[in-house]
Amino acid sequence: MNNRKSPYTGVFAIFIVGGLIGAALMLLLAPQSGKRTRRSLHRASNRLQRQTGRNVYRTTKKVNKFVHTFLEKLTLS
């Protein structure tokens, strides 16, 4: 039988341990509670959704106006 370890086993273990340490530090050093963070993210996502909707509406209006003007000029030529 072959009892040799893969050279990647140590690297994989280091990444797992580092991830666990990072997750633990994140939980200990979080600036606010999870409930407040979720509420903040929810508000920010709603604000971003409204802004995106307005931008899409404005862009659609501009594109429609451009196409309408282009087609008018095309038919008059």
N, C-alpha and C. Protein backbone atom coordinates (compact mmCIF):
# COMPACT_ATOMS: atom_id res chain seq x y z
N MET A 1 0.82 -1.19 0.00
CA MET A 1 0.00 0.00 0.00
C MET A 1 0.86 1.25 0.00
N ASN A 2 0.28 2.30 -0.49
CA ASN A 2 0.97 3.57 -0.57
C ASN A 2 0.51 4.47 0.58
N ASN A 3 1.39 4.79 1.52
CA ASN A 3 1.06 5.59 2.70
C ASN A 3 1.52 7.04 2.56
N ARG A 4 1.88 7.46 1.39
CA ARG A 4 2.38 8.82 1.19
C ARG A 4 1.21 9.80 1.18
N LYS A 5 1.40 10.95 1.86
CA LYS A 5 0.38 11.99 1.90
C LYS A 5 0.50 12.89 0.68
N SER A 6 -0.61 13.44 0.29
CA SER A 6 -0.61 14.40 -0.81
C SER A 6 0.03 15.70 -0.33
N PRO A 7 0.79 16.37 -1.17
CA PRO A 7 1.40 17.64 -0.75
C PRO A 7 0.35 18.74 -0.53
N TYR A 8 -0.85 18.52 -1.00
CA TYR A 8 -1.89 19.53 -0.86
C TYR A 8 -2.66 19.41 0.45
N THR A 9 -2.47 18.33 1.19
CA THR A 9 -3.20 18.13 2.45
C THR A 9 -2.88 19.23 3.44
N GLY A 10 -1.62 19.59 3.59
CA GLY A 10 -1.22 20.64 4.52
C GLY A 10 -1.76 22.00 4.12
N VAL A 11 -1.72 22.29 2.83
CA VAL A 11 -2.23 23.57 2.33
C VAL A 11 -3.74 23.66 2.58
N PHE A 12 -4.44 22.59 2.32
CA PHE A 12 -5.89 22.56 2.55
C PHE A 12 -6.21 22.78 4.02
N ALA A 13 -5.46 22.13 4.89
CA ALA A 13 -5.67 22.27 6.34
C ALA A 13 -5.42 23.71 6.79
N ILE A 14 -4.39 24.33 6.24
CA ILE A 14 -4.09 25.73 6.59
C ILE A 14 -5.24 26.64 6.18
N PHE A 15 -5.81 26.44 4.99
CA PHE A 15 -6.94 27.26 4.54
C PHE A 15 -8.16 27.06 5.43
N ILE A 16 -8.43 25.83 5.82
CA ILE A 16 -9.57 25.55 6.69
C ILE A 16 -9.39 26.22 8.05
N VAL A 17 -8.23 26.06 8.65
CA VAL A 17 -7.96 26.67 9.96
C VAL A 17 -8.01 28.19 9.85
N GLY A 18 -7.43 28.75 8.81
CA GLY A 18 -7.47 30.20 8.61
C GLY A 18 -8.90 30.71 8.45
N GLY A 19 -9.72 29.97 7.72
CA GLY A 19 -11.12 30.35 7.56
C GLY A 19 -11.88 30.32 8.87
N LEU A 20 -11.62 29.31 9.68
CA LEU A 20 -12.28 29.21 10.99
C LEU A 20 -11.84 30.35 11.91
N ILE A 21 -10.56 30.66 11.90
CA ILE A 21 -10.07 31.77 12.73
C ILE A 21 -10.67 33.09 12.25
N GLY A 22 -10.72 33.29 10.95
CA GLY A 22 -11.31 34.51 10.40
C GLY A 22 -12.78 34.64 10.75
N ALA A 23 -13.54 33.55 10.66
CA ALA A 23 -14.96 33.59 11.01
C ALA A 23 -15.15 33.91 12.48
N ALA A 24 -14.32 33.32 13.34
CA ALA A 24 -14.43 33.59 14.77
C ALA A 24 -14.11 35.05 15.07
N LEU A 25 -13.07 35.59 14.46
CA LEU A 25 -12.72 36.99 14.67
C LEU A 25 -13.82 37.92 14.15
N MET A 26 -14.41 37.58 13.03
CA MET A 26 -15.49 38.39 12.47
C MET A 26 -16.65 38.47 13.46
N LEU A 27 -17.01 37.34 14.04
CA LEU A 27 -18.12 37.33 15.00
C LEU A 27 -17.78 38.13 16.26
N LEU A 28 -16.54 38.04 16.72
CA LEU A 28 -16.15 38.74 17.93
C LEU A 28 -16.00 40.25 17.73
N LEU A 29 -15.60 40.65 16.55
CA LEU A 29 -15.31 42.05 16.29
C LEU A 29 -16.39 42.77 15.49
N ALA A 30 -17.54 42.16 15.32
CA ALA A 30 -18.63 42.78 14.55
C ALA A 30 -19.05 44.09 15.22
N PRO A 31 -19.24 45.16 14.43
CA PRO A 31 -19.56 46.46 15.01
C PRO A 31 -20.99 46.58 15.53
N GLN A 32 -21.88 45.71 15.15
CA GLN A 32 -23.28 45.78 15.60
C GLN A 32 -23.89 44.39 15.57
N SER A 33 -25.07 44.27 16.12
CA SER A 33 -25.73 42.97 16.20
C SER A 33 -26.18 42.51 14.82
N GLY A 34 -26.46 41.23 14.71
CA GLY A 34 -26.93 40.68 13.44
C GLY A 34 -28.25 41.28 13.01
N LYS A 35 -29.14 41.53 13.97
CA LYS A 35 -30.45 42.11 13.65
C LYS A 35 -30.28 43.50 13.05
N ARG A 36 -29.42 44.31 13.65
CA ARG A 36 -29.18 45.66 13.12
C ARG A 36 -28.52 45.60 11.76
N THR A 37 -27.60 44.68 11.58
CA THR A 37 -26.92 44.54 10.30
C THR A 37 -27.90 44.13 9.21
N ARG A 38 -28.79 43.17 9.52
CA ARG A 38 -29.80 42.76 8.53
C ARG A 38 -30.72 43.91 8.18
N ARG A 39 -31.14 44.68 9.18
CA ARG A 39 -32.02 45.82 8.93
C ARG A 39 -31.32 46.85 8.06
N SER A 40 -30.06 47.10 8.35
CA SER A 40 -29.27 48.06 7.57
C SER A 40 -29.12 47.59 6.13
N LEU A 41 -28.82 46.30 5.95
CA LEU A 41 -28.70 45.75 4.60
C LEU A 41 -30.02 45.80 3.85
N HIS A 42 -31.12 45.54 4.55
CA HIS A 42 -32.44 45.59 3.93
C HIS A 42 -32.75 47.01 3.44
N ARG A 43 -32.49 48.00 4.28
CA ARG A 43 -32.73 49.39 3.89
C ARG A 43 -31.85 49.80 2.71
N ALA A 44 -30.59 49.41 2.77
CA ALA A 44 -29.67 49.75 1.68
C ALA A 44 -30.09 49.09 0.38
N SER A 45 -30.54 47.84 0.44
CA SER A 45 -30.96 47.16 -0.78
C SER A 45 -32.25 47.78 -1.34
N ASN A 46 -33.16 48.21 -0.46
CA ASN A 46 -34.37 48.89 -0.94
C ASN A 46 -34.03 50.21 -1.61
N ARG A 47 -33.11 50.96 -1.00
CA ARG A 47 -32.69 52.23 -1.58
C ARG A 47 -32.03 52.01 -2.94
N LEU A 48 -31.18 51.00 -3.03
CA LEU A 48 -30.51 50.69 -4.30
C LEU A 48 -31.52 50.24 -5.35
N GLN A 49 -32.54 49.49 -4.94
CA GLN A 49 -33.57 49.05 -5.87
C GLN A 49 -34.35 50.24 -6.43
N ARG A 50 -34.70 51.20 -5.55
CA ARG A 50 -35.41 52.39 -6.01
C ARG A 50 -34.55 53.20 -6.98
N GLN A 51 -33.28 53.40 -6.63
CA GLN A 51 -32.39 54.16 -7.50
C GLN A 51 -32.21 53.47 -8.85
N THR A 52 -32.08 52.16 -8.83
CA THR A 52 -31.93 51.41 -10.08
C THR A 52 -33.19 51.53 -10.93
N GLY A 53 -34.35 51.43 -10.29
CA GLY A 53 -35.61 51.59 -11.02
C GLY A 53 -35.71 52.96 -11.68
N ARG A 54 -35.34 54.01 -10.94
CA ARG A 54 -35.38 55.36 -11.52
C ARG A 54 -34.41 55.48 -12.68
N ASN A 55 -33.20 54.93 -12.52
CA ASN A 55 -32.21 55.01 -13.60
C ASN A 55 -32.66 54.24 -14.84
N VAL A 56 -33.26 53.07 -14.64
CA VAL A 56 -33.75 52.29 -15.77
C VAL A 56 -34.87 53.07 -16.48
N TYR A 57 -35.77 53.67 -15.71
CA TYR A 57 -36.87 54.44 -16.29
C TYR A 57 -36.33 55.62 -17.11
N ARG A 58 -35.39 56.37 -16.53
CA ARG A 58 -34.81 57.52 -17.26
C ARG A 58 -34.09 57.08 -18.52
N THR A 59 -33.32 56.01 -18.42
CA THR A 59 -32.59 55.52 -19.58
C THR A 59 -33.54 55.04 -20.66
N THR A 60 -34.61 54.35 -20.26
CA THR A 60 -35.60 53.87 -21.22
C THR A 60 -36.25 55.04 -21.94
N LYS A 61 -36.57 56.10 -21.20
CA LYS A 61 -37.17 57.29 -21.82
C LYS A 61 -36.21 57.89 -22.85
N LYS A 62 -34.94 58.00 -22.49
CA LYS A 62 -33.94 58.58 -23.40
C LYS A 62 -33.77 57.73 -24.65
N VAL A 63 -33.71 56.42 -24.47
CA VAL A 63 -33.55 55.52 -25.62
C VAL A 63 -34.78 55.60 -26.52
N ASN A 64 -35.97 55.59 -25.93
CA ASN A 64 -37.19 55.70 -26.73
C ASN A 64 -37.23 57.01 -27.51
N LYS A 65 -36.83 58.10 -26.86
CA LYS A 65 -36.81 59.40 -27.54
C LYS A 65 -35.80 59.38 -28.68
N PHE A 66 -34.63 58.79 -28.43
CA PHE A 66 -33.61 58.71 -29.47
C PHE A 66 -34.11 57.88 -30.66
N VAL A 67 -34.70 56.73 -30.38
CA VAL A 67 -35.20 55.86 -31.45
C VAL A 67 -36.30 56.57 -32.23
N HIS A 68 -37.20 57.24 -31.52
CA HIS A 68 -38.30 57.96 -32.19
C HIS A 68 -37.74 59.04 -33.10
N THR A 69 -36.78 59.82 -32.59
CA THR A 69 -36.16 60.88 -33.40
C THR A 69 -35.42 60.28 -34.59
N PHE A 70 -34.71 59.21 -34.37
CA PHE A 70 -33.97 58.54 -35.45
C PHE A 70 -34.93 58.05 -36.53
N LEU A 71 -36.02 57.44 -36.13
CA LEU A 71 -36.98 56.93 -37.12
C LEU A 71 -37.66 58.05 -37.86
N GLU A 72 -37.92 59.18 -37.18
CA GLU A 72 -38.51 60.33 -37.87
C GLU A 72 -37.55 60.85 -38.93
N LYS A 73 -36.29 61.00 -38.57
CA LYS A 73 -35.29 61.48 -39.53
C LYS A 73 -35.11 60.49 -40.67
N LEU A 74 -35.21 59.22 -40.39
CA LEU A 74 -35.04 58.19 -41.41
C LEU A 74 -36.19 58.25 -42.41
N THR A 75 -37.40 58.46 -41.92
CA THR A 75 -38.56 58.49 -42.83
C THR A 75 -38.62 59.79 -43.60
N LEU A 76 -38.07 60.87 -43.07
CA LEU A 76 -38.10 62.15 -43.77
C LEU A 76 -37.00 62.23 -44.83
N SER A 77 -36.00 61.40 -44.72
CA SER A 77 -34.87 61.47 -45.67
C SER A 77 -35.22 60.87 -47.00
